[in-house]
Amino acid sequence: MTEPSPDLVNGADGLLRCPWVGTDDGAPADYLAYHDEEWGRTVHGEQALLERLCLEAFQSGLSWLTILRKRESFRRAFAHFDADAVAAFDAGDVERLMQDAAIVRNRRKIEATIGNARATVALRDSGGLDAFFWSAGPSTHQRPQVISEVPAHTPESSAAAARLKSAGFAHLGPTTVYAAMQACGLVNDHLCGCSAVPQPLSS
């Protein structure tokens, strides 16, 4: 049996978790819930995957907790990431979103989200975003024992980022795509011994 990672942190509830959630009673409740109930669990479906990819793009240069706490505002601002609705956004919508203090007001990321929705719509003729994204995995890489074994990106995420770019997606480099792969269950990067148990990897 693999020994629990020495990098795990002990929560106030006595459960061992990945260190990025924070330690003891200092860990934010919303971050704990995301780690325990969402991160690493299998995500399928066009709308859900478009949301994850776009939010990971918005996270670039920021903390994930910042994005997580604005998630409902992002959903409201971007029509709950309905690809058809967002694909129809125009320059006026970009300006509207640039005035929305409840989200991250970054013009390049806003425009990328609209472009990514249009690319998602275009992918329907060739199998759709779900099949396209999951063609990058699931990965067979080993579950990390220590935090230093968790990569920032992999050959698989680099290949997936290149394929997404060729399909018209933007602001999704190898590191951002790998974060999405972690979040959506294509890889399991919960450290050995972590109390969170992701669903079995499946395509």
N, C-alpha and C. Protein backbone atom coordinates (compact mmCIF):
# COMPACT_ATOMS: atom_id res chain seq x y z
N MET A 1 0.84 -1.19 0.00
CA MET A 1 0.00 0.00 0.00
C MET A 1 0.88 1.25 0.00
N THR A 2 0.54 2.23 -0.83
CA THR A 2 1.31 3.46 -0.91
C THR A 2 1.11 4.29 0.35
N GLU A 3 2.19 4.79 0.89
CA GLU A 3 2.10 5.63 2.09
C GLU A 3 1.49 6.98 1.73
N PRO A 4 0.74 7.57 2.67
CA PRO A 4 0.20 8.91 2.43
C PRO A 4 1.33 9.92 2.20
N SER A 5 1.06 10.89 1.36
CA SER A 5 2.06 11.90 1.07
C SER A 5 2.40 12.70 2.32
N PRO A 6 3.69 13.00 2.54
CA PRO A 6 4.07 13.85 3.67
C PRO A 6 3.65 15.30 3.47
N ASP A 7 3.22 15.64 2.26
CA ASP A 7 2.83 17.02 1.97
C ASP A 7 1.36 17.30 2.27
N LEU A 8 0.60 16.27 2.58
CA LEU A 8 -0.82 16.47 2.90
C LEU A 8 -0.97 17.33 4.15
N VAL A 9 -2.06 18.09 4.20
CA VAL A 9 -2.34 18.91 5.38
C VAL A 9 -3.55 18.33 6.11
N ASN A 10 -3.52 18.47 7.41
CA ASN A 10 -4.59 17.93 8.24
C ASN A 10 -5.61 19.03 8.52
N GLY A 11 -6.84 18.81 8.04
CA GLY A 11 -7.88 19.81 8.23
C GLY A 11 -8.44 19.81 9.64
N ALA A 12 -9.20 20.83 9.93
CA ALA A 12 -9.84 20.93 11.25
C ALA A 12 -10.81 19.77 11.48
N ASP A 13 -11.29 19.15 10.39
CA ASP A 13 -12.19 18.00 10.50
C ASP A 13 -11.44 16.68 10.58
N GLY A 14 -10.09 16.75 10.64
CA GLY A 14 -9.29 15.55 10.77
C GLY A 14 -8.97 14.85 9.47
N LEU A 15 -9.40 15.41 8.33
CA LEU A 15 -9.16 14.78 7.04
C LEU A 15 -7.89 15.32 6.41
N LEU A 16 -7.16 14.44 5.75
CA LEU A 16 -5.94 14.83 5.04
C LEU A 16 -6.30 15.31 3.64
N ARG A 17 -5.72 16.44 3.25
CA ARG A 17 -6.02 17.02 1.95
C ARG A 17 -4.75 17.53 1.28
N CYS A 18 -4.88 17.81 -0.02
CA CYS A 18 -3.78 18.42 -0.77
C CYS A 18 -3.45 19.79 -0.16
N PRO A 19 -2.19 20.17 -0.14
CA PRO A 19 -1.78 21.37 0.59
C PRO A 19 -2.29 22.67 0.02
N TRP A 20 -2.73 22.69 -1.25
CA TRP A 20 -3.17 23.96 -1.83
C TRP A 20 -4.48 24.48 -1.25
N VAL A 21 -5.19 23.66 -0.49
CA VAL A 21 -6.45 24.16 0.09
C VAL A 21 -6.20 25.01 1.33
N GLY A 22 -5.00 24.95 1.90
CA GLY A 22 -4.74 25.68 3.14
C GLY A 22 -4.74 24.72 4.32
N THR A 23 -4.29 25.21 5.45
CA THR A 23 -4.11 24.34 6.60
C THR A 23 -5.13 24.60 7.70
N ASP A 24 -5.44 23.51 8.38
CA ASP A 24 -6.28 23.55 9.59
C ASP A 24 -7.54 24.38 9.37
N ASP A 25 -7.91 25.20 10.35
CA ASP A 25 -9.16 25.95 10.25
C ASP A 25 -8.99 27.23 9.42
N GLY A 26 -7.78 27.42 8.82
CA GLY A 26 -7.57 28.58 7.97
C GLY A 26 -8.01 28.34 6.54
N ALA A 27 -8.39 27.12 6.20
CA ALA A 27 -8.80 26.81 4.84
C ALA A 27 -10.21 27.34 4.59
N PRO A 28 -10.41 28.15 3.54
CA PRO A 28 -11.75 28.67 3.24
C PRO A 28 -12.72 27.53 2.95
N ALA A 29 -13.94 27.66 3.44
CA ALA A 29 -14.93 26.59 3.27
C ALA A 29 -15.23 26.33 1.80
N ASP A 30 -15.27 27.38 0.99
CA ASP A 30 -15.59 27.17 -0.42
C ASP A 30 -14.45 26.46 -1.15
N TYR A 31 -13.23 26.71 -0.72
CA TYR A 31 -12.08 26.03 -1.31
C TYR A 31 -12.08 24.56 -0.91
N LEU A 32 -12.39 24.28 0.35
CA LEU A 32 -12.49 22.89 0.82
C LEU A 32 -13.53 22.12 0.02
N ALA A 33 -14.69 22.74 -0.17
CA ALA A 33 -15.76 22.08 -0.91
C ALA A 33 -15.35 21.81 -2.36
N TYR A 34 -14.66 22.77 -2.97
CA TYR A 34 -14.20 22.58 -4.35
C TYR A 34 -13.21 21.42 -4.43
N HIS A 35 -12.25 21.39 -3.49
CA HIS A 35 -11.27 20.30 -3.46
C HIS A 35 -11.93 18.95 -3.23
N ASP A 36 -12.84 18.90 -2.27
CA ASP A 36 -13.44 17.62 -1.88
C ASP A 36 -14.47 17.11 -2.87
N GLU A 37 -15.21 18.01 -3.50
CA GLU A 37 -16.40 17.60 -4.25
C GLU A 37 -16.31 17.82 -5.76
N GLU A 38 -15.33 18.61 -6.22
CA GLU A 38 -15.28 18.93 -7.64
C GLU A 38 -13.95 18.61 -8.30
N TRP A 39 -12.85 19.08 -7.73
CA TRP A 39 -11.57 19.02 -8.41
C TRP A 39 -11.14 17.57 -8.65
N GLY A 40 -10.90 17.24 -9.89
CA GLY A 40 -10.48 15.89 -10.23
C GLY A 40 -11.62 14.96 -10.57
N ARG A 41 -12.85 15.40 -10.41
CA ARG A 41 -13.98 14.55 -10.75
C ARG A 41 -14.33 14.71 -12.23
N THR A 42 -14.78 13.64 -12.83
CA THR A 42 -15.05 13.61 -14.26
C THR A 42 -16.10 14.64 -14.66
N VAL A 43 -15.76 15.45 -15.65
CA VAL A 43 -16.67 16.45 -16.19
C VAL A 43 -16.90 16.16 -17.66
N HIS A 44 -18.16 16.02 -18.04
CA HIS A 44 -18.54 15.84 -19.44
C HIS A 44 -19.62 16.85 -19.79
N GLY A 45 -19.80 17.07 -21.07
CA GLY A 45 -20.85 17.96 -21.55
C GLY A 45 -20.28 19.27 -22.06
N GLU A 46 -20.82 19.73 -23.17
CA GLU A 46 -20.30 20.94 -23.83
C GLU A 46 -20.31 22.16 -22.91
N GLN A 47 -21.44 22.41 -22.28
CA GLN A 47 -21.57 23.62 -21.46
C GLN A 47 -20.62 23.58 -20.26
N ALA A 48 -20.57 22.44 -19.58
CA ALA A 48 -19.71 22.31 -18.40
C ALA A 48 -18.24 22.45 -18.77
N LEU A 49 -17.83 21.84 -19.87
CA LEU A 49 -16.43 21.91 -20.27
C LEU A 49 -16.06 23.30 -20.78
N LEU A 50 -16.96 23.95 -21.51
CA LEU A 50 -16.68 25.31 -21.95
C LEU A 50 -16.49 26.22 -20.74
N GLU A 51 -17.34 26.07 -19.74
CA GLU A 51 -17.18 26.87 -18.52
C GLU A 51 -15.82 26.64 -17.87
N ARG A 52 -15.44 25.38 -17.71
CA ARG A 52 -14.17 25.08 -17.03
C ARG A 52 -12.99 25.65 -17.82
N LEU A 53 -13.00 25.48 -19.13
CA LEU A 53 -11.90 25.99 -19.95
C LEU A 53 -11.81 27.51 -19.86
N CYS A 54 -12.95 28.16 -19.95
CA CYS A 54 -12.95 29.63 -19.91
C CYS A 54 -12.55 30.15 -18.53
N LEU A 55 -13.01 29.52 -17.48
CA LEU A 55 -12.64 29.97 -16.14
C LEU A 55 -11.16 29.72 -15.88
N GLU A 56 -10.63 28.62 -16.37
CA GLU A 56 -9.19 28.39 -16.22
C GLU A 56 -8.41 29.47 -16.98
N ALA A 57 -8.92 29.89 -18.13
CA ALA A 57 -8.26 30.96 -18.87
C ALA A 57 -8.30 32.27 -18.09
N PHE A 58 -9.43 32.56 -17.47
CA PHE A 58 -9.54 33.77 -16.65
C PHE A 58 -8.61 33.69 -15.44
N GLN A 59 -8.35 32.48 -14.94
CA GLN A 59 -7.52 32.31 -13.75
C GLN A 59 -6.06 32.64 -14.02
N SER A 60 -5.63 32.55 -15.27
CA SER A 60 -4.23 32.78 -15.60
C SER A 60 -3.73 34.09 -14.99
N GLY A 61 -2.71 33.99 -14.13
CA GLY A 61 -2.15 35.15 -13.47
C GLY A 61 -2.84 35.52 -12.17
N LEU A 62 -3.89 34.79 -11.83
CA LEU A 62 -4.66 35.06 -10.61
C LEU A 62 -4.75 33.77 -9.79
N SER A 63 -5.32 33.87 -8.60
CA SER A 63 -5.54 32.67 -7.79
C SER A 63 -6.85 32.02 -8.22
N TRP A 64 -6.90 30.69 -8.12
CA TRP A 64 -8.15 30.00 -8.45
C TRP A 64 -9.25 30.38 -7.47
N LEU A 65 -8.91 30.67 -6.22
CA LEU A 65 -9.92 31.05 -5.25
C LEU A 65 -10.63 32.33 -5.69
N THR A 66 -9.90 33.25 -6.29
CA THR A 66 -10.52 34.48 -6.81
C THR A 66 -11.57 34.14 -7.85
N ILE A 67 -11.23 33.24 -8.78
CA ILE A 67 -12.17 32.86 -9.83
C ILE A 67 -13.35 32.08 -9.24
N LEU A 68 -13.04 31.16 -8.32
CA LEU A 68 -14.09 30.35 -7.72
C LEU A 68 -15.16 31.22 -7.06
N ARG A 69 -14.71 32.25 -6.37
CA ARG A 69 -15.65 33.12 -5.67
C ARG A 69 -16.44 34.04 -6.60
N LYS A 70 -15.98 34.15 -7.84
CA LYS A 70 -16.69 34.94 -8.84
C LYS A 70 -17.45 34.05 -9.83
N ARG A 71 -17.46 32.74 -9.59
CA ARG A 71 -18.00 31.82 -10.58
C ARG A 71 -19.46 32.11 -10.91
N GLU A 72 -20.28 32.36 -9.92
CA GLU A 72 -21.69 32.64 -10.19
C GLU A 72 -21.84 33.92 -11.00
N SER A 73 -20.98 34.90 -10.74
CA SER A 73 -21.02 36.13 -11.52
C SER A 73 -20.59 35.88 -12.96
N PHE A 74 -19.56 35.04 -13.15
CA PHE A 74 -19.16 34.67 -14.50
C PHE A 74 -20.30 33.95 -15.22
N ARG A 75 -20.98 33.07 -14.54
CA ARG A 75 -22.09 32.34 -15.16
C ARG A 75 -23.18 33.31 -15.60
N ARG A 76 -23.50 34.25 -14.73
CA ARG A 76 -24.52 35.24 -15.09
C ARG A 76 -24.06 36.08 -16.27
N ALA A 77 -22.82 36.53 -16.23
CA ALA A 77 -22.31 37.42 -17.27
C ALA A 77 -22.21 36.73 -18.63
N PHE A 78 -21.90 35.43 -18.63
CA PHE A 78 -21.68 34.69 -19.87
C PHE A 78 -22.79 33.67 -20.13
N ALA A 79 -24.02 34.04 -19.80
CA ALA A 79 -25.19 33.22 -20.16
C ALA A 79 -25.02 31.77 -19.74
N HIS A 80 -24.44 31.57 -18.56
CA HIS A 80 -24.19 30.22 -18.02
C HIS A 80 -23.38 29.36 -18.99
N PHE A 81 -22.56 30.03 -19.79
CA PHE A 81 -21.65 29.39 -20.75
C PHE A 81 -22.40 28.53 -21.77
N ASP A 82 -23.60 28.98 -22.11
CA ASP A 82 -24.30 28.39 -23.25
C ASP A 82 -23.56 28.86 -24.50
N ALA A 83 -23.01 27.92 -25.25
CA ALA A 83 -22.13 28.27 -26.36
C ALA A 83 -22.84 29.12 -27.41
N ASP A 84 -24.07 28.79 -27.74
CA ASP A 84 -24.79 29.56 -28.77
C ASP A 84 -25.01 31.00 -28.32
N ALA A 85 -25.37 31.17 -27.05
CA ALA A 85 -25.64 32.51 -26.55
C ALA A 85 -24.37 33.35 -26.52
N VAL A 86 -23.28 32.78 -26.02
CA VAL A 86 -22.03 33.54 -25.92
C VAL A 86 -21.44 33.80 -27.30
N ALA A 87 -21.59 32.85 -28.21
CA ALA A 87 -21.08 33.03 -29.56
C ALA A 87 -21.74 34.22 -30.26
N ALA A 88 -22.92 34.58 -29.82
CA ALA A 88 -23.65 35.70 -30.43
C ALA A 88 -23.29 37.05 -29.81
N PHE A 89 -22.45 37.06 -28.77
CA PHE A 89 -22.03 38.32 -28.16
C PHE A 89 -21.29 39.16 -29.20
N ASP A 90 -21.46 40.49 -29.09
CA ASP A 90 -20.79 41.39 -30.02
C ASP A 90 -19.96 42.41 -29.26
N ALA A 91 -19.50 43.44 -29.96
CA ALA A 91 -18.64 44.45 -29.35
C ALA A 91 -19.34 45.15 -28.19
N GLY A 92 -20.64 45.33 -28.31
CA GLY A 92 -21.38 45.95 -27.22
C GLY A 92 -21.36 45.10 -25.96
N ASP A 93 -21.44 43.79 -26.13
CA ASP A 93 -21.36 42.89 -24.98
C ASP A 93 -19.98 42.94 -24.35
N VAL A 94 -18.95 43.06 -25.18
CA VAL A 94 -17.59 43.17 -24.62
C VAL A 94 -17.50 44.41 -23.74
N GLU A 95 -18.02 45.53 -24.21
CA GLU A 95 -17.98 46.75 -23.41
C GLU A 95 -18.82 46.61 -22.15
N ARG A 96 -19.96 45.96 -22.26
CA ARG A 96 -20.79 45.71 -21.07
C ARG A 96 -20.02 44.90 -20.04
N LEU A 97 -19.36 43.86 -20.48
CA LEU A 97 -18.62 43.01 -19.57
C LEU A 97 -17.41 43.72 -18.98
N MET A 98 -16.82 44.63 -19.73
CA MET A 98 -15.71 45.40 -19.22
C MET A 98 -16.12 46.34 -18.09
N GLN A 99 -17.40 46.58 -17.96
CA GLN A 99 -17.92 47.43 -16.89
C GLN A 99 -18.46 46.61 -15.71
N ASP A 100 -18.39 45.30 -15.83
CA ASP A 100 -18.97 44.41 -14.81
C ASP A 100 -17.92 44.10 -13.74
N ALA A 101 -18.01 44.79 -12.61
CA ALA A 101 -17.02 44.63 -11.54
C ALA A 101 -17.10 43.28 -10.84
N ALA A 102 -18.14 42.51 -11.12
CA ALA A 102 -18.30 41.21 -10.44
C ALA A 102 -17.46 40.12 -11.08
N ILE A 103 -16.91 40.40 -12.28
CA ILE A 103 -16.04 39.42 -12.95
C ILE A 103 -14.64 40.01 -13.08
N VAL A 104 -13.76 39.28 -13.72
CA VAL A 104 -12.41 39.79 -14.02
C VAL A 104 -12.51 40.57 -15.33
N ARG A 105 -12.23 41.88 -15.25
CA ARG A 105 -12.41 42.74 -16.42
C ARG A 105 -11.12 42.81 -17.23
N ASN A 106 -10.89 41.77 -17.98
CA ASN A 106 -9.71 41.67 -18.84
C ASN A 106 -10.22 41.50 -20.26
N ARG A 107 -9.98 42.49 -21.10
CA ARG A 107 -10.56 42.48 -22.45
C ARG A 107 -10.13 41.25 -23.26
N ARG A 108 -8.85 40.93 -23.20
CA ARG A 108 -8.36 39.78 -23.97
C ARG A 108 -9.05 38.49 -23.54
N LYS A 109 -9.26 38.33 -22.24
CA LYS A 109 -9.89 37.11 -21.74
C LYS A 109 -11.37 37.09 -22.06
N ILE A 110 -12.01 38.24 -22.01
CA ILE A 110 -13.43 38.33 -22.38
C ILE A 110 -13.60 37.99 -23.85
N GLU A 111 -12.77 38.58 -24.70
CA GLU A 111 -12.86 38.30 -26.13
C GLU A 111 -12.50 36.84 -26.43
N ALA A 112 -11.56 36.28 -25.69
CA ALA A 112 -11.22 34.87 -25.87
C ALA A 112 -12.39 33.97 -25.51
N THR A 113 -13.12 34.32 -24.46
CA THR A 113 -14.28 33.52 -24.06
C THR A 113 -15.33 33.50 -25.16
N ILE A 114 -15.57 34.65 -25.77
CA ILE A 114 -16.53 34.71 -26.87
C ILE A 114 -16.02 33.89 -28.05
N GLY A 115 -14.75 34.04 -28.36
CA GLY A 115 -14.16 33.25 -29.44
C GLY A 115 -14.20 31.76 -29.16
N ASN A 116 -13.99 31.40 -27.90
CA ASN A 116 -14.01 29.98 -27.54
C ASN A 116 -15.41 29.40 -27.66
N ALA A 117 -16.42 30.22 -27.38
CA ALA A 117 -17.80 29.76 -27.57
C ALA A 117 -18.07 29.53 -29.05
N ARG A 118 -17.58 30.42 -29.90
CA ARG A 118 -17.77 30.24 -31.34
C ARG A 118 -17.03 29.00 -31.84
N ALA A 119 -15.84 28.77 -31.31
CA ALA A 119 -15.09 27.56 -31.68
C ALA A 119 -15.82 26.31 -31.22
N THR A 120 -16.46 26.39 -30.06
CA THR A 120 -17.23 25.26 -29.54
C THR A 120 -18.39 24.92 -30.45
N VAL A 121 -19.10 25.95 -30.91
CA VAL A 121 -20.21 25.73 -31.84
C VAL A 121 -19.70 25.07 -33.12
N ALA A 122 -18.56 25.55 -33.62
CA ALA A 122 -18.00 25.00 -34.86
C ALA A 122 -17.60 23.54 -34.71
N LEU A 123 -17.21 23.14 -33.50
CA LEU A 123 -16.77 21.76 -33.27
C LEU A 123 -17.91 20.74 -33.35
N ARG A 124 -19.14 21.20 -33.27
CA ARG A 124 -20.26 20.26 -33.29
C ARG A 124 -20.30 19.43 -34.57
N ASP A 125 -19.80 19.99 -35.64
CA ASP A 125 -19.80 19.26 -36.91
C ASP A 125 -18.77 18.15 -36.94
N SER A 126 -17.86 18.13 -35.96
CA SER A 126 -16.81 17.10 -35.95
C SER A 126 -16.76 16.36 -34.62
N GLY A 127 -17.91 16.21 -33.98
CA GLY A 127 -18.00 15.41 -32.76
C GLY A 127 -18.23 16.18 -31.48
N GLY A 128 -17.94 17.48 -31.49
CA GLY A 128 -18.24 18.30 -30.32
C GLY A 128 -17.08 18.47 -29.37
N LEU A 129 -17.22 19.44 -28.48
CA LEU A 129 -16.17 19.78 -27.53
C LEU A 129 -15.85 18.64 -26.58
N ASP A 130 -16.86 17.92 -26.14
CA ASP A 130 -16.62 16.84 -25.18
C ASP A 130 -15.65 15.81 -25.76
N ALA A 131 -15.94 15.31 -26.94
CA ALA A 131 -15.06 14.32 -27.56
C ALA A 131 -13.70 14.92 -27.87
N PHE A 132 -13.68 16.17 -28.29
CA PHE A 132 -12.43 16.83 -28.64
C PHE A 132 -11.53 16.98 -27.43
N PHE A 133 -12.10 17.45 -26.32
CA PHE A 133 -11.30 17.66 -25.11
C PHE A 133 -10.85 16.33 -24.51
N TRP A 134 -11.75 15.35 -24.45
CA TRP A 134 -11.41 14.08 -23.83
C TRP A 134 -10.50 13.21 -24.70
N SER A 135 -10.27 13.61 -25.94
CA SER A 135 -9.32 12.88 -26.76
C SER A 135 -7.89 13.06 -26.24
N ALA A 136 -7.71 14.01 -25.32
CA ALA A 136 -6.40 14.22 -24.70
C ALA A 136 -6.12 13.24 -23.57
N GLY A 137 -7.11 12.47 -23.18
CA GLY A 137 -6.93 11.58 -22.04
C GLY A 137 -7.98 10.49 -22.05
N PRO A 138 -8.22 9.80 -20.93
CA PRO A 138 -7.55 10.05 -19.65
C PRO A 138 -6.08 9.67 -19.65
N SER A 139 -5.34 10.36 -18.81
CA SER A 139 -3.91 10.13 -18.74
C SER A 139 -3.59 8.90 -17.89
N THR A 140 -2.48 8.29 -18.18
CA THR A 140 -2.04 7.12 -17.39
C THR A 140 -0.92 7.50 -16.43
N HIS A 141 -0.67 8.80 -16.25
CA HIS A 141 0.45 9.17 -15.41
C HIS A 141 0.19 8.80 -13.96
N GLN A 142 1.25 8.58 -13.21
CA GLN A 142 1.12 8.11 -11.84
C GLN A 142 0.62 9.21 -10.91
N ARG A 143 -0.22 8.82 -9.98
CA ARG A 143 -0.69 9.76 -8.98
C ARG A 143 0.50 10.26 -8.17
N PRO A 144 0.62 11.58 -7.96
CA PRO A 144 1.82 12.11 -7.30
C PRO A 144 1.89 11.75 -5.82
N GLN A 145 3.11 11.49 -5.37
CA GLN A 145 3.35 11.20 -3.96
C GLN A 145 3.61 12.49 -3.19
N VAL A 146 4.28 13.44 -3.82
CA VAL A 146 4.59 14.72 -3.18
C VAL A 146 4.25 15.84 -4.15
N ILE A 147 4.07 17.05 -3.62
CA ILE A 147 3.60 18.16 -4.43
C ILE A 147 4.59 18.50 -5.54
N SER A 148 5.88 18.24 -5.33
CA SER A 148 6.88 18.54 -6.35
C SER A 148 6.74 17.65 -7.58
N GLU A 149 5.99 16.56 -7.47
CA GLU A 149 5.78 15.66 -8.60
C GLU A 149 4.60 16.10 -9.48
N VAL A 150 3.85 17.09 -9.04
CA VAL A 150 2.72 17.58 -9.83
C VAL A 150 3.26 18.53 -10.90
N PRO A 151 3.11 18.18 -12.16
CA PRO A 151 3.69 19.03 -13.22
C PRO A 151 2.84 20.26 -13.48
N ALA A 152 3.47 21.28 -14.07
CA ALA A 152 2.73 22.46 -14.49
C ALA A 152 2.05 22.21 -15.84
N HIS A 153 2.67 21.35 -16.63
CA HIS A 153 2.10 20.96 -17.92
C HIS A 153 2.74 19.64 -18.33
N THR A 154 2.18 18.99 -19.31
CA THR A 154 2.67 17.69 -19.77
C THR A 154 2.67 17.67 -21.29
N PRO A 155 3.32 16.68 -21.89
CA PRO A 155 3.23 16.56 -23.35
C PRO A 155 1.78 16.46 -23.83
N GLU A 156 0.94 15.78 -23.04
CA GLU A 156 -0.47 15.65 -23.41
C GLU A 156 -1.18 17.00 -23.40
N SER A 157 -0.88 17.83 -22.38
CA SER A 157 -1.55 19.14 -22.33
C SER A 157 -1.02 20.06 -23.41
N SER A 158 0.25 19.92 -23.76
CA SER A 158 0.81 20.72 -24.86
C SER A 158 0.14 20.35 -26.18
N ALA A 159 -0.05 19.04 -26.39
CA ALA A 159 -0.71 18.59 -27.62
C ALA A 159 -2.16 19.04 -27.65
N ALA A 160 -2.83 18.95 -26.50
CA ALA A 160 -4.23 19.37 -26.43
C ALA A 160 -4.35 20.87 -26.67
N ALA A 161 -3.43 21.66 -26.10
CA ALA A 161 -3.46 23.11 -26.30
C ALA A 161 -3.27 23.45 -27.78
N ALA A 162 -2.39 22.73 -28.45
CA ALA A 162 -2.15 22.98 -29.87
C ALA A 162 -3.39 22.64 -30.69
N ARG A 163 -4.05 21.54 -30.32
CA ARG A 163 -5.27 21.15 -31.04
C ARG A 163 -6.40 22.15 -30.80
N LEU A 164 -6.52 22.64 -29.58
CA LEU A 164 -7.53 23.65 -29.28
C LEU A 164 -7.26 24.93 -30.07
N LYS A 165 -6.00 25.33 -30.12
CA LYS A 165 -5.65 26.53 -30.86
C LYS A 165 -5.99 26.37 -32.34
N SER A 166 -5.69 25.21 -32.89
CA SER A 166 -5.97 24.96 -34.31
C SER A 166 -7.47 24.97 -34.59
N ALA A 167 -8.27 24.70 -33.54
CA ALA A 167 -9.72 24.71 -33.69
C ALA A 167 -10.33 26.07 -33.42
N GLY A 168 -9.47 27.07 -33.12
CA GLY A 168 -9.97 28.42 -32.94
C GLY A 168 -10.07 28.89 -31.50
N PHE A 169 -9.62 28.07 -30.55
CA PHE A 169 -9.67 28.47 -29.15
C PHE A 169 -8.48 29.37 -28.82
N ALA A 170 -8.66 30.25 -27.84
CA ALA A 170 -7.62 31.21 -27.47
C ALA A 170 -7.41 31.23 -25.97
N HIS A 171 -6.26 31.72 -25.56
CA HIS A 171 -5.88 31.90 -24.16
C HIS A 171 -5.86 30.58 -23.41
N LEU A 172 -5.49 29.51 -24.11
CA LEU A 172 -5.45 28.18 -23.51
C LEU A 172 -4.12 27.53 -23.87
N GLY A 173 -3.07 27.89 -23.14
CA GLY A 173 -1.77 27.30 -23.34
C GLY A 173 -1.63 25.99 -22.61
N PRO A 174 -0.48 25.32 -22.71
CA PRO A 174 -0.28 24.01 -22.07
C PRO A 174 -0.53 24.00 -20.57
N THR A 175 -0.14 25.06 -19.86
CA THR A 175 -0.34 25.08 -18.41
C THR A 175 -1.81 25.24 -18.05
N THR A 176 -2.50 26.14 -18.75
CA THR A 176 -3.93 26.33 -18.51
C THR A 176 -4.72 25.09 -18.86
N VAL A 177 -4.36 24.46 -19.97
CA VAL A 177 -5.05 23.23 -20.37
C VAL A 177 -4.79 22.12 -19.36
N TYR A 178 -3.57 22.05 -18.84
CA TYR A 178 -3.31 21.01 -17.84
C TYR A 178 -4.13 21.24 -16.58
N ALA A 179 -4.29 22.50 -16.18
CA ALA A 179 -5.15 22.81 -15.02
C ALA A 179 -6.58 22.34 -15.29
N ALA A 180 -7.04 22.52 -16.52
CA ALA A 180 -8.38 22.04 -16.86
C ALA A 180 -8.45 20.52 -16.85
N MET A 181 -7.40 19.87 -17.32
CA MET A 181 -7.35 18.41 -17.30
C MET A 181 -7.40 17.90 -15.86
N GLN A 182 -6.68 18.56 -14.96
CA GLN A 182 -6.72 18.19 -13.54
C GLN A 182 -8.13 18.38 -12.98
N ALA A 183 -8.71 19.53 -13.26
CA ALA A 183 -10.01 19.87 -12.69
C ALA A 183 -11.12 18.98 -13.21
N CYS A 184 -11.00 18.55 -14.47
CA CYS A 184 -12.10 17.82 -15.12
C CYS A 184 -11.93 16.30 -15.11
N GLY A 185 -10.89 15.81 -14.43
CA GLY A 185 -10.77 14.38 -14.23
C GLY A 185 -9.99 13.62 -15.27
N LEU A 186 -9.30 14.31 -16.18
CA LEU A 186 -8.47 13.59 -17.13
C LEU A 186 -7.21 13.05 -16.47
N VAL A 187 -6.79 13.68 -15.38
CA VAL A 187 -5.69 13.18 -14.57
C VAL A 187 -6.11 13.26 -13.11
N ASN A 188 -5.48 12.45 -12.28
CA ASN A 188 -5.75 12.49 -10.85
C ASN A 188 -4.50 12.98 -10.14
N ASP A 189 -4.50 14.28 -9.79
CA ASP A 189 -3.35 14.84 -9.10
C ASP A 189 -3.61 15.12 -7.63
N HIS A 190 -4.64 14.49 -7.07
CA HIS A 190 -4.75 14.46 -5.61
C HIS A 190 -3.57 13.64 -5.09
N LEU A 191 -2.84 14.16 -4.13
CA LEU A 191 -1.69 13.44 -3.62
C LEU A 191 -2.11 12.12 -2.99
N CYS A 192 -1.21 11.15 -3.01
CA CYS A 192 -1.48 9.85 -2.41
C CYS A 192 -1.90 10.03 -0.95
N GLY A 193 -3.02 9.43 -0.58
CA GLY A 193 -3.50 9.52 0.78
C GLY A 193 -4.49 10.64 1.01
N CYS A 194 -4.72 11.48 -0.01
CA CYS A 194 -5.70 12.56 0.13
C CYS A 194 -7.08 11.95 0.36
N SER A 195 -7.87 12.60 1.21
CA SER A 195 -9.19 12.06 1.55
C SER A 195 -10.19 12.18 0.42
N ALA A 196 -9.96 13.11 -0.52
CA ALA A 196 -10.87 13.25 -1.66
C ALA A 196 -10.68 12.06 -2.59
N VAL A 197 -11.77 11.48 -3.02
CA VAL A 197 -11.69 10.31 -3.89
C VAL A 197 -12.40 10.65 -5.19
N PRO A 198 -11.64 11.01 -6.25
CA PRO A 198 -12.26 11.31 -7.53
C PRO A 198 -12.95 10.09 -8.11
N GLN A 199 -13.91 10.35 -9.01
CA GLN A 199 -14.53 9.26 -9.74
C GLN A 199 -13.47 8.56 -10.59
N PRO A 200 -13.68 7.29 -10.90
CA PRO A 200 -12.73 6.62 -11.79
C PRO A 200 -12.59 7.37 -13.11
N LEU A 201 -11.36 7.47 -13.62
CA LEU A 201 -11.15 8.13 -14.88
C LEU A 201 -11.83 7.34 -15.98
N SER A 202 -12.55 8.06 -16.83
CA SER A 202 -13.25 7.40 -17.93
C SER A 202 -13.36 8.38 -19.08
N SER A 203 -13.51 7.86 -20.26
CA SER A 203 -13.70 8.71 -21.42
C SER A 203 -15.13 8.62 -21.91
